[in-house]
């Protein structure tokens, strides 16, 4: 049975949780313990039991509200969108696979691919490539590194692969793009 100190710990743990967060394993354990302690308290201490049931119901209500509000059929939940985009940007230095991003948001690659397209309006692989190209553009403008080094830093297998992908997406070679977008001394004087 929970004593008043443990009850206060449970209260803080539940109140500190955001309704927009997922229900992690530790919260599931807290919920289970609340229900077990409440069932044991009904005969001896009905007020504590009522309080425990109230806390458990609040935890469940928050999770139900999150699921019904966030989950749109066929789309990623907002937390999954945030997690996926952050994961893609953190890993733009390697040849990231869709299955890696799907695992980060705890979905099967097949479902993730469909939900990603519904949420973003484009395939996950296309989005990943666009983010890698965006990183390459930033490196081309902020460093003097050669294209081969930038290609590897952005997860491309080699410079040729990078140039083909860049040209297909941007419409010009990386070196031409770099020349056209670097600040020139005349531009600085203006």
C-alpha atoms as a PDB file:
ATOM      1  CA  UNK A   1       0.000   0.000   0.000  1.00  0.00           C
ATOM      2  CA  UNK A   2       1.125   3.522  -0.716  1.00  0.00           C
ATOM      3  CA  UNK A   3       1.958   5.715   2.199  1.00  0.00           C
ATOM      4  CA  UNK A   4       1.436   9.502   1.893  1.00  0.00           C
ATOM      5  CA  UNK A   5       5.057   9.991   0.796  1.00  0.00           C
ATOM      6  CA  UNK A   6       4.740   7.425  -2.014  1.00  0.00           C
ATOM      7  CA  UNK A   7       1.399   8.928  -3.007  1.00  0.00           C
ATOM      8  CA  UNK A   8       3.039  12.336  -3.337  1.00  0.00           C
ATOM      9  CA  UNK A   9       5.827  10.825  -5.479  1.00  0.00           C
ATOM     10  CA  UNK A  10       3.185   9.268  -7.752  1.00  0.00           C
ATOM     11  CA  UNK A  11       1.381  12.626  -7.951  1.00  0.00           C
ATOM     12  CA  UNK A  12       4.561  14.442  -8.996  1.00  0.00           C
ATOM     13  CA  UNK A  13       5.469  11.772 -11.534  1.00  0.00           C
ATOM     14  CA  UNK A  14       2.043  11.937 -13.141  1.00  0.00           C
ATOM     15  CA  UNK A  15       1.761  15.722 -13.039  1.00  0.00           C
ATOM     16  CA  UNK A  16       5.261  16.151 -14.507  1.00  0.00           C
ATOM     17  CA  UNK A  17       4.287  14.184 -17.594  1.00  0.00           C
ATOM     18  CA  UNK A  18       3.117  16.092 -20.616  1.00  0.00           C
ATOM     19  CA  UNK A  19      -0.165  14.897 -22.145  1.00  0.00           C
ATOM     20  CA  UNK A  20       1.588  15.106 -25.532  1.00  0.00           C
ATOM     21  CA  UNK A  21       4.209  12.539 -24.522  1.00  0.00           C
ATOM     22  CA  UNK A  22       3.940   8.861 -25.256  1.00  0.00           C
ATOM     23  CA  UNK A  23       3.117   6.419 -22.490  1.00  0.00           C
ATOM     24  CA  UNK A  24       6.547   4.917 -21.820  1.00  0.00           C
ATOM     25  CA  UNK A  25       7.213   1.734 -19.923  1.00  0.00           C
ATOM     26  CA  UNK A  26       7.877   3.528 -16.636  1.00  0.00           C
ATOM     27  CA  UNK A  27       4.522   5.312 -16.859  1.00  0.00           C
ATOM     28  CA  UNK A  28       2.799   2.016 -17.580  1.00  0.00           C
ATOM     29  CA  UNK A  29       4.422   0.590 -14.462  1.00  0.00           C
ATOM     30  CA  UNK A  30       3.297   3.611 -12.431  1.00  0.00           C
ATOM     31  CA  UNK A  31      -0.244   3.162 -13.726  1.00  0.00           C
ATOM     32  CA  UNK A  32      -0.224  -0.538 -12.894  1.00  0.00           C
ATOM     33  CA  UNK A  33       1.119   0.136  -9.395  1.00  0.00           C
ATOM     34  CA  UNK A  34      -1.526   2.809  -8.798  1.00  0.00           C
ATOM     35  CA  UNK A  35      -4.298   0.383  -9.714  1.00  0.00           C
ATOM     36  CA  UNK A  36      -2.810  -2.449  -7.619  1.00  0.00           C
ATOM     37  CA  UNK A  37      -2.347  -0.176  -4.585  1.00  0.00           C
ATOM     38  CA  UNK A  38      -5.866   1.234  -5.006  1.00  0.00           C
ATOM     39  CA  UNK A  39      -7.430  -2.230  -5.108  1.00  0.00           C
ATOM     40  CA  UNK A  40      -5.563  -3.188  -1.916  1.00  0.00           C
ATOM     41  CA  UNK A  41      -6.652   0.037  -0.189  1.00  0.00           C
ATOM     42  CA  UNK A  42     -10.404  -0.069  -0.840  1.00  0.00           C
ATOM     43  CA  UNK A  43     -11.330  -1.848   2.395  1.00  0.00           C
ATOM     44  CA  UNK A  44      -8.739  -0.276   4.720  1.00  0.00           C
ATOM     45  CA  UNK A  45      -8.391   3.268   3.398  1.00  0.00           C
ATOM     46  CA  UNK A  46     -11.109   4.283   0.907  1.00  0.00           C
ATOM     47  CA  UNK A  47      -9.851   7.884   0.645  1.00  0.00           C
ATOM     48  CA  UNK A  48      -6.380   6.768  -0.466  1.00  0.00           C
ATOM     49  CA  UNK A  49      -7.948   4.249  -2.845  1.00  0.00           C
ATOM     50  CA  UNK A  50     -10.133   6.967  -4.373  1.00  0.00           C
ATOM     51  CA  UNK A  51      -7.113   9.241  -4.765  1.00  0.00           C
ATOM     52  CA  UNK A  52      -5.086   6.475  -6.445  1.00  0.00           C
ATOM     53  CA  UNK A  53      -7.921   5.628  -8.844  1.00  0.00           C
ATOM     54  CA  UNK A  54      -8.321   9.333  -9.617  1.00  0.00           C
ATOM     55  CA  UNK A  55      -4.605   9.655 -10.452  1.00  0.00           C
ATOM     56  CA  UNK A  56      -4.681   6.528 -12.603  1.00  0.00           C
ATOM     57  CA  UNK A  57      -7.743   7.779 -14.466  1.00  0.00           C
ATOM     58  CA  UNK A  58      -6.077  11.161 -15.097  1.00  0.00           C
ATOM     59  CA  UNK A  59      -3.056   9.407 -16.567  1.00  0.00           C
ATOM     60  CA  UNK A  60      -5.290   7.314 -18.828  1.00  0.00           C
ATOM     61  CA  UNK A  61      -7.433  10.301 -19.836  1.00  0.00           C
ATOM     62  CA  UNK A  62      -4.352  12.249 -20.884  1.00  0.00           C
ATOM     63  CA  UNK A  63      -3.138   9.333 -22.986  1.00  0.00           C
ATOM     64  CA  UNK A  64      -6.553   8.805 -24.623  1.00  0.00           C
ATOM     65  CA  UNK A  65      -6.801  12.536 -25.377  1.00  0.00           C
ATOM     66  CA  UNK A  66      -3.330  12.507 -26.898  1.00  0.00           C
ATOM     67  CA  UNK A  67      -4.070   9.492 -29.042  1.00  0.00           C
ATOM     68  CA  UNK A  68      -7.420  10.744 -30.313  1.00  0.00           C
ATOM     69  CA  UNK A  69      -6.139  14.277 -30.927  1.00  0.00           C
ATOM     70  CA  UNK A  70      -2.766  13.427 -32.444  1.00  0.00           C
ATOM     71  CA  UNK A  71      -3.518  10.333 -34.423  1.00  0.00           C
ATOM     72  CA  UNK A  72      -4.943  11.040 -37.829  1.00  0.00           C
ATOM     73  CA  UNK A  73      -5.600   7.959 -39.902  1.00  0.00           C
ATOM     74  CA  UNK A  74      -2.629   7.205 -42.081  1.00  0.00           C
ATOM     75  CA  UNK A  75      -0.477  10.064 -40.802  1.00  0.00           C
ATOM     76  CA  UNK A  76       2.368  10.327 -38.354  1.00  0.00           C
ATOM     77  CA  UNK A  77       1.600  11.704 -34.918  1.00  0.00           C
ATOM     78  CA  UNK A  78       3.233  15.086 -34.168  1.00  0.00           C
ATOM     79  CA  UNK A  79       5.819  13.460 -31.878  1.00  0.00           C
ATOM     80  CA  UNK A  80       6.695  11.044 -34.697  1.00  0.00           C
ATOM     81  CA  UNK A  81       7.120  13.922 -37.164  1.00  0.00           C
ATOM     82  CA  UNK A  82       9.448  15.711 -34.720  1.00  0.00           C
ATOM     83  CA  UNK A  83      11.385  12.535 -33.945  1.00  0.00           C
ATOM     84  CA  UNK A  84      11.734  11.542 -37.607  1.00  0.00           C
ATOM     85  CA  UNK A  85      12.915  14.959 -38.801  1.00  0.00           C
ATOM     86  CA  UNK A  86      15.364  15.319 -35.921  1.00  0.00           C
ATOM     87  CA  UNK A  87      16.688  11.793 -36.528  1.00  0.00           C
ATOM     88  CA  UNK A  88      17.139  12.502 -40.245  1.00  0.00           C
ATOM     89  CA  UNK A  89      18.972  15.773 -39.584  1.00  0.00           C
ATOM     90  CA  UNK A  90      21.198  14.211 -36.883  1.00  0.00           C
ATOM     91  CA  UNK A  91      22.157  11.424 -39.278  1.00  0.00           C
ATOM     92  CA  UNK A  92      22.554  13.401 -42.502  1.00  0.00           C
ATOM     93  CA  UNK A  93      26.220  12.421 -42.539  1.00  0.00           C
ATOM     94  CA  UNK A  94      25.447   8.826 -43.457  1.00  0.00           C
ATOM     95  CA  UNK A  95      23.463   6.894 -46.025  1.00  0.00           C
ATOM     96  CA  UNK A  96      20.323   6.750 -43.912  1.00  0.00           C
ATOM     97  CA  UNK A  97      17.737   4.107 -44.761  1.00  0.00           C
ATOM     98  CA  UNK A  98      13.983   4.469 -44.350  1.00  0.00           C
ATOM     99  CA  UNK A  99      13.997   1.455 -42.015  1.00  0.00           C
ATOM    100  CA  UNK A 100      16.340   3.331 -39.659  1.00  0.00           C
ATOM    101  CA  UNK A 101      13.951   6.283 -39.399  1.00  0.00           C
ATOM    102  CA  UNK A 102      10.964   3.930 -39.049  1.00  0.00           C
ATOM    103  CA  UNK A 103      12.679   2.224 -36.118  1.00  0.00           C
ATOM    104  CA  UNK A 104      13.304   5.606 -34.477  1.00  0.00           C
ATOM    105  CA  UNK A 105       9.537   6.260 -34.416  1.00  0.00           C
ATOM    106  CA  UNK A 106       8.652   2.654 -33.577  1.00  0.00           C
ATOM    107  CA  UNK A 107       6.829   1.786 -36.812  1.00  0.00           C
ATOM    108  CA  UNK A 108       7.309  -0.866 -39.450  1.00  0.00           C
ATOM    109  CA  UNK A 109       9.133   0.441 -42.551  1.00  0.00           C
ATOM    110  CA  UNK A 110       6.062  -0.211 -44.697  1.00  0.00           C
ATOM    111  CA  UNK A 111       3.611   1.653 -42.475  1.00  0.00           C
ATOM    112  CA  UNK A 112       6.130   4.412 -41.829  1.00  0.00           C
ATOM    113  CA  UNK A 113       6.668   4.978 -45.562  1.00  0.00           C
ATOM    114  CA  UNK A 114       2.930   5.319 -46.151  1.00  0.00           C
ATOM    115  CA  UNK A 115       2.353   7.551 -43.104  1.00  0.00           C
ATOM    116  CA  UNK A 116       5.377   9.709 -43.946  1.00  0.00           C
ATOM    117  CA  UNK A 117       4.073  10.336 -47.458  1.00  0.00           C
ATOM    118  CA  UNK A 118       0.634  11.235 -46.059  1.00  0.00           C
ATOM    119  CA  UNK A 119       2.199  13.601 -43.527  1.00  0.00           C
ATOM    120  CA  UNK A 120       4.876  15.249 -45.699  1.00  0.00           C
ATOM    121  CA  UNK A 121       3.454  14.912 -49.201  1.00  0.00           C
ATOM    122  CA  UNK A 122       6.591  13.150 -50.421  1.00  0.00           C
ATOM    123  CA  UNK A 123       8.357   9.853 -49.974  1.00  0.00           C
ATOM    124  CA  UNK A 124      10.642   9.457 -46.971  1.00  0.00           C
ATOM    125  CA  UNK A 125      13.622   8.595 -49.179  1.00  0.00           C
ATOM    126  CA  UNK A 126      13.144  11.809 -51.195  1.00  0.00           C
ATOM    127  CA  UNK A 127      12.967  13.844 -48.006  1.00  0.00           C
ATOM    128  CA  UNK A 128      16.123  12.206 -46.665  1.00  0.00           C
ATOM    129  CA  UNK A 129      17.978  12.997 -49.886  1.00  0.00           C
ATOM    130  CA  UNK A 130      16.752  16.600 -49.826  1.00  0.00           C
ATOM    131  CA  UNK A 131      18.037  17.027 -46.272  1.00  0.00           C
ATOM    132  CA  UNK A 132      21.421  15.551 -47.244  1.00  0.00           C
ATOM    133  CA  UNK A 133      21.623  17.927 -50.229  1.00  0.00           C
ATOM    134  CA  UNK A 134      20.672  20.864 -47.970  1.00  0.00           C
ATOM    135  CA  UNK A 135      23.516  19.891 -45.642  1.00  0.00           C
ATOM    136  CA  UNK A 136      25.887  19.644 -48.622  1.00  0.00           C
ATOM    137  CA  UNK A 137      24.858  23.135 -49.772  1.00  0.00           C
ATOM    138  CA  UNK A 138      25.547  24.526 -46.306  1.00  0.00           C
ATOM    139  CA  UNK A 139      28.978  22.866 -46.262  1.00  0.00           C
ATOM    140  CA  UNK A 140      29.794  24.136 -49.763  1.00  0.00           C
ATOM    141  CA  UNK A 141      29.078  27.697 -48.660  1.00  0.00           C
ATOM    142  CA  UNK A 142      30.662  27.539 -45.217  1.00  0.00           C
ATOM    143  CA  UNK A 143      33.817  25.518 -45.910  1.00  0.00           C
ATOM    144  CA  UNK A 144      36.514  25.257 -48.540  1.00  0.00           C
ATOM    145  CA  UNK A 145      36.305  21.456 -48.429  1.00  0.00           C
ATOM    146  CA  UNK A 146      36.455  19.630 -51.726  1.00  0.00           C
ATOM    147  CA  UNK A 147      33.330  18.027 -53.179  1.00  0.00           C
ATOM    148  CA  UNK A 148      34.651  14.525 -52.458  1.00  0.00           C
ATOM    149  CA  UNK A 149      34.973  15.371 -48.760  1.00  0.00           C
ATOM    150  CA  UNK A 150      31.522  17.019 -48.696  1.00  0.00           C
ATOM    151  CA  UNK A 151      30.016  14.016 -50.477  1.00  0.00           C
ATOM    152  CA  UNK A 152      31.317  11.658 -47.803  1.00  0.00           C
ATOM    153  CA  UNK A 153      30.315  14.055 -45.002  1.00  0.00           C
ATOM    154  CA  UNK A 154      26.734  13.964 -46.332  1.00  0.00           C
ATOM    155  CA  UNK A 155      26.470  10.201 -46.586  1.00  0.00           C
ATOM    156  CA  UNK A 156      27.073   9.755 -50.306  1.00  0.00           C
ATOM    157  CA  UNK A 157      29.204   6.817 -51.356  1.00  0.00           C
ATOM    158  CA  UNK A 158      31.503   8.982 -53.508  1.00  0.00           C
ATOM    159  CA  UNK A 159      31.741  12.283 -55.376  1.00  0.00           C
ATOM    160  CA  UNK A 160      30.157  10.872 -58.548  1.00  0.00           C
ATOM    161  CA  UNK A 161      27.107   9.654 -56.633  1.00  0.00           C
ATOM    162  CA  UNK A 162      26.838  13.046 -54.937  1.00  0.00           C
ATOM    163  CA  UNK A 163      27.133  14.927 -58.255  1.00  0.00           C
ATOM    164  CA  UNK A 164      24.465  12.765 -59.945  1.00  0.00           C
ATOM    165  CA  UNK A 165      22.062  13.166 -57.036  1.00  0.00           C
ATOM    166  CA  UNK A 166      22.748  16.888 -56.647  1.00  0.00           C
ATOM    167  CA  UNK A 167      22.354  17.538 -60.384  1.00  0.00           C
ATOM    168  CA  UNK A 168      19.114  15.596 -60.524  1.00  0.00           C
ATOM    169  CA  UNK A 169      17.633  17.502 -57.615  1.00  0.00           C
ATOM    170  CA  UNK A 170      19.080  21.013 -58.113  1.00  0.00           C
ATOM    171  CA  UNK A 171      19.463  21.077 -61.899  1.00  0.00           C
ATOM    172  CA  UNK A 172      23.148  21.952 -61.975  1.00  0.00           C
ATOM    173  CA  UNK A 173      26.438  20.483 -60.823  1.00  0.00           C
ATOM    174  CA  UNK A 174      27.602  21.091 -57.259  1.00  0.00           C
ATOM    175  CA  UNK A 175      30.668  23.032 -58.422  1.00  0.00           C
ATOM    176  CA  UNK A 176      28.568  25.358 -60.607  1.00  0.00           C
ATOM    177  CA  UNK A 177      26.055  25.833 -57.794  1.00  0.00           C
ATOM    178  CA  UNK A 178      28.878  26.623 -55.386  1.00  0.00           C
ATOM    179  CA  UNK A 179      30.396  29.198 -57.741  1.00  0.00           C
ATOM    180  CA  UNK A 180      27.011  30.851 -58.309  1.00  0.00           C
ATOM    181  CA  UNK A 181      26.212  31.076 -54.597  1.00  0.00           C
ATOM    182  CA  UNK A 182      29.514  32.078 -53.034  1.00  0.00           C
ATOM    183  CA  UNK A 183      29.862  35.707 -52.082  1.00  0.00           C
ATOM    184  CA  UNK A 184      32.143  37.560 -54.404  1.00  0.00           C
ATOM    185  CA  UNK A 185      34.311  40.514 -53.327  1.00  0.00           C
ATOM    186  CA  UNK A 186      32.198  42.808 -55.551  1.00  0.00           C
ATOM    187  CA  UNK A 187      29.073  41.565 -53.764  1.00  0.00           C
ATOM    188  CA  UNK A 188      30.575  42.462 -50.395  1.00  0.00           C
ATOM    189  CA  UNK A 189      31.344  46.054 -51.491  1.00  0.00           C
ATOM    190  CA  UNK A 190      27.723  46.677 -52.508  1.00  0.00           C
END
